[in-house]
N, C-alpha and C. Protein backbone atom coordinates (compact mmCIF):
# COMPACT_ATOMS: atom_id res chain seq x y z
N UNK A 1 0.81 -1.19 0.00
CA UNK A 1 0.00 0.00 0.00
C UNK A 1 0.86 1.26 0.00
N UNK A 2 1.97 1.19 0.71
CA UNK A 2 2.85 2.35 0.77
C UNK A 2 3.47 2.60 -0.59
N UNK A 3 3.79 1.53 -1.33
CA UNK A 3 4.37 1.71 -2.65
C UNK A 3 3.37 2.36 -3.60
N UNK A 4 2.11 1.99 -3.55
CA UNK A 4 1.09 2.58 -4.41
C UNK A 4 0.89 4.05 -4.02
N UNK A 5 0.91 4.29 -2.71
CA UNK A 5 0.75 5.67 -2.26
C UNK A 5 1.94 6.53 -2.69
N UNK A 6 3.17 5.99 -2.63
CA UNK A 6 4.37 6.71 -3.07
C UNK A 6 4.32 6.98 -4.57
N UNK A 7 3.90 5.99 -5.34
CA UNK A 7 3.80 6.16 -6.79
C UNK A 7 2.76 7.23 -7.12
N UNK A 8 1.61 7.18 -6.43
CA UNK A 8 0.57 8.19 -6.64
C UNK A 8 1.09 9.58 -6.26
N UNK A 9 1.84 9.67 -5.19
CA UNK A 9 2.41 10.93 -4.73
C UNK A 9 3.42 11.48 -5.75
N UNK A 10 4.24 10.60 -6.33
CA UNK A 10 5.22 11.02 -7.33
C UNK A 10 4.50 11.49 -8.59
N UNK A 11 3.49 10.75 -9.03
CA UNK A 11 2.72 11.13 -10.22
C UNK A 11 2.02 12.47 -9.99
N UNK A 12 1.43 12.63 -8.83
CA UNK A 12 0.75 13.88 -8.50
C UNK A 12 1.74 15.05 -8.47
N UNK A 13 2.92 14.82 -7.94
CA UNK A 13 3.96 15.86 -7.90
C UNK A 13 4.39 16.24 -9.31
N UNK A 14 4.61 15.23 -10.19
CA UNK A 14 5.01 15.50 -11.57
C UNK A 14 3.92 16.25 -12.33
N UNK A 15 2.67 15.84 -12.13
CA UNK A 15 1.56 16.53 -12.80
C UNK A 15 1.46 17.97 -12.32
N UNK A 16 1.67 18.19 -11.03
CA UNK A 16 1.63 19.54 -10.48
C UNK A 16 2.76 20.39 -11.06
N UNK A 17 3.94 19.83 -11.18
CA UNK A 17 5.08 20.55 -11.74
C UNK A 17 4.82 20.89 -13.21
N UNK A 18 4.35 19.93 -13.97
CA UNK A 18 4.07 20.16 -15.39
C UNK A 18 2.96 21.20 -15.55
N UNK A 19 1.93 21.10 -14.73
CA UNK A 19 0.85 22.09 -14.76
C UNK A 19 1.36 23.48 -14.42
N UNK A 20 2.24 23.57 -13.44
CA UNK A 20 2.82 24.85 -13.05
C UNK A 20 3.65 25.45 -14.18
N UNK A 21 4.43 24.60 -14.85
CA UNK A 21 5.23 25.08 -15.97
C UNK A 21 4.35 25.58 -17.12
N UNK A 22 3.30 24.83 -17.41
CA UNK A 22 2.39 25.26 -18.47
C UNK A 22 1.69 26.57 -18.10
N UNK A 23 1.30 26.71 -16.87
CA UNK A 23 0.66 27.95 -16.42
C UNK A 23 1.64 29.11 -16.50
N UNK A 24 2.89 28.87 -16.13
CA UNK A 24 3.93 29.90 -16.20
C UNK A 24 4.14 30.35 -17.64
N UNK A 25 4.26 29.38 -18.57
CA UNK A 25 4.43 29.71 -19.99
C UNK A 25 3.24 30.50 -20.51
N UNK A 26 2.06 30.10 -20.10
CA UNK A 26 0.85 30.78 -20.55
C UNK A 26 0.81 32.22 -20.03
N UNK A 27 1.21 32.41 -18.79
CA UNK A 27 1.19 33.77 -18.23
C UNK A 27 2.24 34.66 -18.89
N UNK A 28 3.38 34.09 -19.24
CA UNK A 28 4.42 34.86 -19.92
C UNK A 28 3.92 35.26 -21.32
N UNK A 29 3.28 34.33 -22.02
CA UNK A 29 2.76 34.65 -23.36
C UNK A 29 1.67 35.71 -23.26
N UNK A 30 0.81 35.61 -22.26
CA UNK A 30 -0.25 36.60 -22.08
C UNK A 30 0.34 37.97 -21.77
N UNK A 31 1.35 37.99 -20.92
CA UNK A 31 1.99 39.27 -20.58
C UNK A 31 2.66 39.88 -21.81
N UNK A 32 3.30 39.04 -22.62
CA UNK A 32 3.94 39.53 -23.84
C UNK A 32 2.89 40.10 -24.80
N UNK A 33 1.76 39.44 -24.92
CA UNK A 33 0.68 39.93 -25.78
C UNK A 33 0.14 41.26 -25.28
N UNK A 34 -0.01 41.40 -23.97
CA UNK A 34 -0.50 42.66 -23.40
C UNK A 34 0.48 43.79 -23.66
N UNK A 35 1.77 43.51 -23.49
CA UNK A 35 2.80 44.53 -23.76
C UNK A 35 2.77 44.90 -25.23
N UNK A 36 2.64 43.92 -26.10
CA UNK A 36 2.60 44.17 -27.53
C UNK A 36 1.38 45.05 -27.88
N UNK A 37 0.23 44.75 -27.30
CA UNK A 37 -0.97 45.55 -27.56
C UNK A 37 -0.78 46.99 -27.08
N UNK A 38 -0.15 47.18 -25.92
CA UNK A 38 0.10 48.54 -25.42
C UNK A 38 1.06 49.29 -26.32
N UNK A 39 2.09 48.61 -26.80
CA UNK A 39 3.06 49.26 -27.70
C UNK A 39 2.37 49.65 -29.01
N UNK A 40 1.56 48.76 -29.54
CA UNK A 40 0.84 49.07 -30.79
C UNK A 40 -0.08 50.26 -30.58
N UNK A 41 -0.80 50.30 -29.46
CA UNK A 41 -1.69 51.43 -29.18
C UNK A 41 -0.90 52.73 -29.05
N UNK A 42 0.24 52.67 -28.38
CA UNK A 42 1.07 53.87 -28.22
C UNK A 42 1.59 54.34 -29.57
N UNK A 43 2.03 53.41 -30.41
CA UNK A 43 2.53 53.79 -31.74
C UNK A 43 1.40 54.34 -32.61
N UNK A 44 0.21 53.77 -32.51
CA UNK A 44 -0.93 54.32 -33.26
C UNK A 44 -1.23 55.75 -32.83
N UNK A 45 -1.17 56.00 -31.54
CA UNK A 45 -1.39 57.35 -31.02
C UNK A 45 -0.31 58.29 -31.54
N UNK A 46 0.92 57.83 -31.53
CA UNK A 46 2.02 58.67 -32.01
C UNK A 46 1.88 58.97 -33.50
N UNK A 47 1.47 57.97 -34.27
CA UNK A 47 1.26 58.18 -35.71
C UNK A 47 0.16 59.20 -35.93
N UNK A 48 -0.94 59.10 -35.17
CA UNK A 48 -2.03 60.06 -35.31
C UNK A 48 -1.55 61.47 -34.96
N UNK A 49 -0.77 61.58 -33.89
CA UNK A 49 -0.23 62.88 -33.49
C UNK A 49 0.67 63.46 -34.58
N UNK A 50 1.51 62.62 -35.15
CA UNK A 50 2.42 63.08 -36.21
C UNK A 50 1.63 63.50 -37.45
N UNK A 51 0.57 62.76 -37.78
CA UNK A 51 -0.26 63.15 -38.93
C UNK A 51 -0.95 64.49 -38.67
N UNK A 52 -1.43 64.67 -37.44
CA UNK A 52 -2.05 65.95 -37.09
C UNK A 52 -1.04 67.10 -37.21
N UNK A 53 0.18 66.86 -36.72
CA UNK A 53 1.23 67.89 -36.84
C UNK A 53 1.55 68.17 -38.29
N UNK A 54 1.60 67.13 -39.11
CA UNK A 54 1.88 67.31 -40.53
C UNK A 54 0.77 68.15 -41.19
N UNK A 55 -0.48 67.86 -40.84
CA UNK A 55 -1.59 68.65 -41.38
C UNK A 55 -1.48 70.11 -40.95
N UNK A 56 -1.13 70.32 -39.67
CA UNK A 56 -0.95 71.69 -39.19
C UNK A 56 0.18 72.40 -39.93
N UNK A 57 1.27 71.67 -40.18
CA UNK A 57 2.39 72.27 -40.89
C UNK A 57 2.04 72.59 -42.34
N UNK A 58 1.21 71.75 -42.97
CA UNK A 58 0.78 72.05 -44.33
C UNK A 58 -0.05 73.33 -44.37
N UNK A 59 -0.94 73.47 -43.39
CA UNK A 59 -1.76 74.68 -43.31
C UNK A 59 -0.87 75.90 -43.09
N UNK A 60 0.09 75.79 -42.17
CA UNK A 60 1.00 76.90 -41.88
C UNK A 60 1.86 77.23 -43.10
N UNK A 61 2.32 76.20 -43.80
CA UNK A 61 3.13 76.42 -45.01
C UNK A 61 2.31 77.16 -46.07
N UNK A 62 1.06 76.78 -46.24
CA UNK A 62 0.18 77.47 -47.19
C UNK A 62 -0.01 78.92 -46.78
N UNK A 63 -0.23 79.16 -45.49
CA UNK A 63 -0.41 80.52 -44.99
C UNK A 63 0.83 81.36 -45.24
N UNK A 64 2.00 80.80 -44.96
CA UNK A 64 3.25 81.54 -45.17
C UNK A 64 3.49 81.81 -46.65
N UNK A 65 3.14 80.87 -47.51
CA UNK A 65 3.29 81.09 -48.95
C UNK A 65 2.39 82.23 -49.41
N UNK A 66 1.17 82.29 -48.87
CA UNK A 66 0.27 83.40 -49.23
C UNK A 66 0.82 84.74 -48.73
N UNK A 67 1.43 84.74 -47.55
CA UNK A 67 2.02 85.98 -47.04
C UNK A 67 3.16 86.43 -47.94
N UNK A 68 4.01 85.48 -48.33
CA UNK A 68 5.13 85.82 -49.22
C UNK A 68 4.60 86.36 -50.55
N UNK A 69 3.58 85.71 -51.11
CA UNK A 69 3.00 86.18 -52.37
C UNK A 69 2.42 87.59 -52.22
N UNK A 70 1.79 87.85 -51.08
CA UNK A 70 1.22 89.17 -50.83
C UNK A 70 2.31 90.24 -50.73
N UNK A 71 3.38 89.91 -50.03
CA UNK A 71 4.50 90.86 -49.91
C UNK A 71 5.12 91.12 -51.28
N UNK A 72 5.31 90.07 -52.07
CA UNK A 72 5.88 90.24 -53.41
C UNK A 72 4.98 91.10 -54.27
N UNK A 73 3.67 90.89 -54.20
CA UNK A 73 2.73 91.70 -54.98
C UNK A 73 2.77 93.16 -54.54
N UNK A 74 2.84 93.40 -53.24
CA UNK A 74 2.90 94.77 -52.73
C UNK A 74 4.18 95.46 -53.18
N UNK A 75 5.30 94.76 -53.13
CA UNK A 75 6.56 95.35 -53.58
C UNK A 75 6.56 95.56 -55.09
N UNK A 76 5.96 94.64 -55.83
CA UNK A 76 5.87 94.78 -57.28
C UNK A 76 5.06 96.04 -57.65
N UNK A 77 4.01 96.31 -56.88
CA UNK A 77 3.21 97.51 -57.15
C UNK A 77 4.00 98.78 -56.86
N UNK A 78 5.06 98.68 -56.08
CA UNK A 78 5.93 99.83 -55.76
C UNK A 78 7.14 99.88 -56.68
N UNK A 79 7.15 98.99 -57.69
CA UNK A 79 8.25 99.00 -58.66
C UNK A 79 9.41 98.12 -58.28
N UNK A 80 9.22 97.19 -57.36
CA UNK A 80 10.30 96.30 -56.97
C UNK A 80 9.93 94.87 -57.35
N UNK A 81 10.91 94.16 -57.90
CA UNK A 81 10.69 92.77 -58.28
C UNK A 81 11.42 91.88 -57.27
N UNK A 82 10.69 90.94 -56.72
CA UNK A 82 11.27 90.00 -55.75
C UNK A 82 11.21 88.61 -56.36
N UNK A 83 12.37 87.93 -56.37
CA UNK A 83 12.39 86.54 -56.84
C UNK A 83 13.07 85.69 -55.77
N UNK A 84 12.49 84.53 -55.57
CA UNK A 84 13.03 83.58 -54.58
C UNK A 84 13.44 82.34 -55.35
N UNK A 85 14.72 81.99 -55.24
CA UNK A 85 15.25 80.82 -55.94
C UNK A 85 15.98 79.95 -54.93
N UNK A 86 15.31 78.94 -54.46
CA UNK A 86 15.90 78.07 -53.44
C UNK A 86 16.09 78.84 -52.15
N UNK A 87 17.33 79.00 -51.73
CA UNK A 87 17.59 79.74 -50.49
C UNK A 87 18.14 81.15 -50.76
N UNK A 88 17.99 81.61 -52.00
CA UNK A 88 18.44 82.95 -52.37
C UNK A 88 17.23 83.84 -52.69
N UNK A 89 17.24 85.07 -52.16
CA UNK A 89 16.19 86.05 -52.43
C UNK A 89 16.84 87.24 -53.13
N UNK A 90 16.29 87.60 -54.29
CA UNK A 90 16.80 88.74 -55.05
C UNK A 90 15.71 89.80 -55.11
N UNK A 91 16.11 91.06 -54.87
CA UNK A 91 15.19 92.20 -54.95
C UNK A 91 15.79 93.19 -55.93
N UNK A 92 14.99 93.55 -56.92
CA UNK A 92 15.44 94.51 -57.94
C UNK A 92 14.44 95.66 -57.94
N UNK A 93 14.96 96.88 -57.85
CA UNK A 93 14.06 98.04 -57.85
C UNK A 93 13.96 98.64 -59.24
N UNK A 94 13.12 99.66 -59.37
CA UNK A 94 12.85 100.27 -60.69
C UNK A 94 14.08 100.99 -61.27
N UNK A 95 15.02 101.37 -60.41
CA UNK A 95 16.23 102.05 -60.91
C UNK A 95 17.24 101.06 -61.46
N UNK A 96 17.01 99.76 -61.27
CA UNK A 96 17.90 98.75 -61.82
C UNK A 96 18.86 98.14 -60.81
N UNK A 97 18.94 98.72 -59.63
CA UNK A 97 19.85 98.13 -58.63
C UNK A 97 19.19 96.90 -58.01
N UNK A 98 20.02 95.94 -57.67
CA UNK A 98 19.47 94.71 -57.10
C UNK A 98 20.28 94.27 -55.89
N UNK A 99 19.62 93.51 -55.06
CA UNK A 99 20.23 92.95 -53.87
C UNK A 99 19.88 91.46 -53.81
N UNK A 100 20.86 90.66 -53.54
CA UNK A 100 20.62 89.22 -53.39
C UNK A 100 21.10 88.79 -52.02
N UNK A 101 20.26 88.06 -51.32
CA UNK A 101 20.57 87.63 -49.96
C UNK A 101 20.19 86.16 -49.80
N UNK A 102 20.99 85.47 -49.02
CA UNK A 102 20.69 84.07 -48.69
C UNK A 102 19.71 84.05 -47.52
N UNK A 103 18.74 83.17 -47.59
CA UNK A 103 17.77 83.01 -46.50
C UNK A 103 18.51 82.45 -45.28
N UNK A 104 18.35 83.11 -44.14
CA UNK A 104 19.03 82.70 -42.92
C UNK A 104 18.25 81.57 -42.23
N UNK A 105 18.96 80.55 -41.83
CA UNK A 105 18.36 79.45 -41.07
C UNK A 105 18.18 79.90 -39.63
N UNK A 106 17.05 79.52 -39.03
CA UNK A 106 16.85 79.85 -37.62
C UNK A 106 17.77 78.98 -36.77
N UNK A 107 18.17 79.51 -35.65
CA UNK A 107 18.98 78.73 -34.73
C UNK A 107 18.07 77.77 -33.99
N UNK A 108 18.62 76.64 -33.58
CA UNK A 108 17.83 75.61 -32.91
C UNK A 108 17.16 76.14 -31.65
N UNK A 109 17.80 76.96 -30.90
CA UNK A 109 17.24 77.50 -29.66
C UNK A 109 15.97 78.29 -29.92
N UNK A 110 15.95 79.06 -31.00
CA UNK A 110 14.77 79.85 -31.33
C UNK A 110 13.62 78.96 -31.75
N UNK A 111 13.90 77.88 -32.49
CA UNK A 111 12.86 76.98 -32.93
C UNK A 111 12.22 76.26 -31.74
N UNK A 112 13.04 75.84 -30.77
CA UNK A 112 12.52 75.12 -29.62
C UNK A 112 11.68 76.03 -28.74
N UNK A 113 12.04 77.30 -28.64
CA UNK A 113 11.27 78.23 -27.84
C UNK A 113 9.88 78.46 -28.42
N UNK A 114 9.77 78.45 -29.75
CA UNK A 114 8.50 78.70 -30.39
C UNK A 114 7.54 77.53 -30.22
N UNK A 115 8.05 76.36 -30.04
CA UNK A 115 7.20 75.18 -29.88
C UNK A 115 6.63 75.23 -28.51
């Protein structure tokens, strides 16, 4: 009887160990899936934020282009021709004199302050 009880005890112990290992593996897989879902949600939110910023920048770029066009039209009505070629701006007045200037890049500190 003791031998049958010992064998049953050993089998029960092995089944408990195997069950514990399977439960541990399952919990690790579940935790990994939860982390993956949170990362995907965070990345989706970041993508949406970046798209919103891109849309805002497109609107701002359009607004700035209209301002530049308005300034050029106003100067043209005063007899000055303004041309923008890449990063060079040329201004020519009615007397024939012209000025060409390179567009200045903003410093990083100024850009960060505006945000």
